[in-house]
């Protein structure tokens, strides 16, 4: 019973952290190179906002990894307690 509650909480946490509606239009190689150069030189339109979004994405990824690690530890603890 406790294990199913823990698993449910983990699933809800992942669903809240990683929305599935995010998608990015694929560009040509030339467009990607131009975007990379403009990013490196801070010449993209809305550079501050883009950097903030990139930082938020990195933070969300870090949180996701932390949640995954914590969920694994909780699962191990539950398994040990049940035995």
Foldseek 3Di string as FASTA:
>chain_A
DVLVVLVVVLVVVVCVLDPPPDDDDDDDPVVVVVVVVCLVVVNDVPSVVVVVVVVSVVVSVVVNVVSVVVSVVVNVVVVVVVD
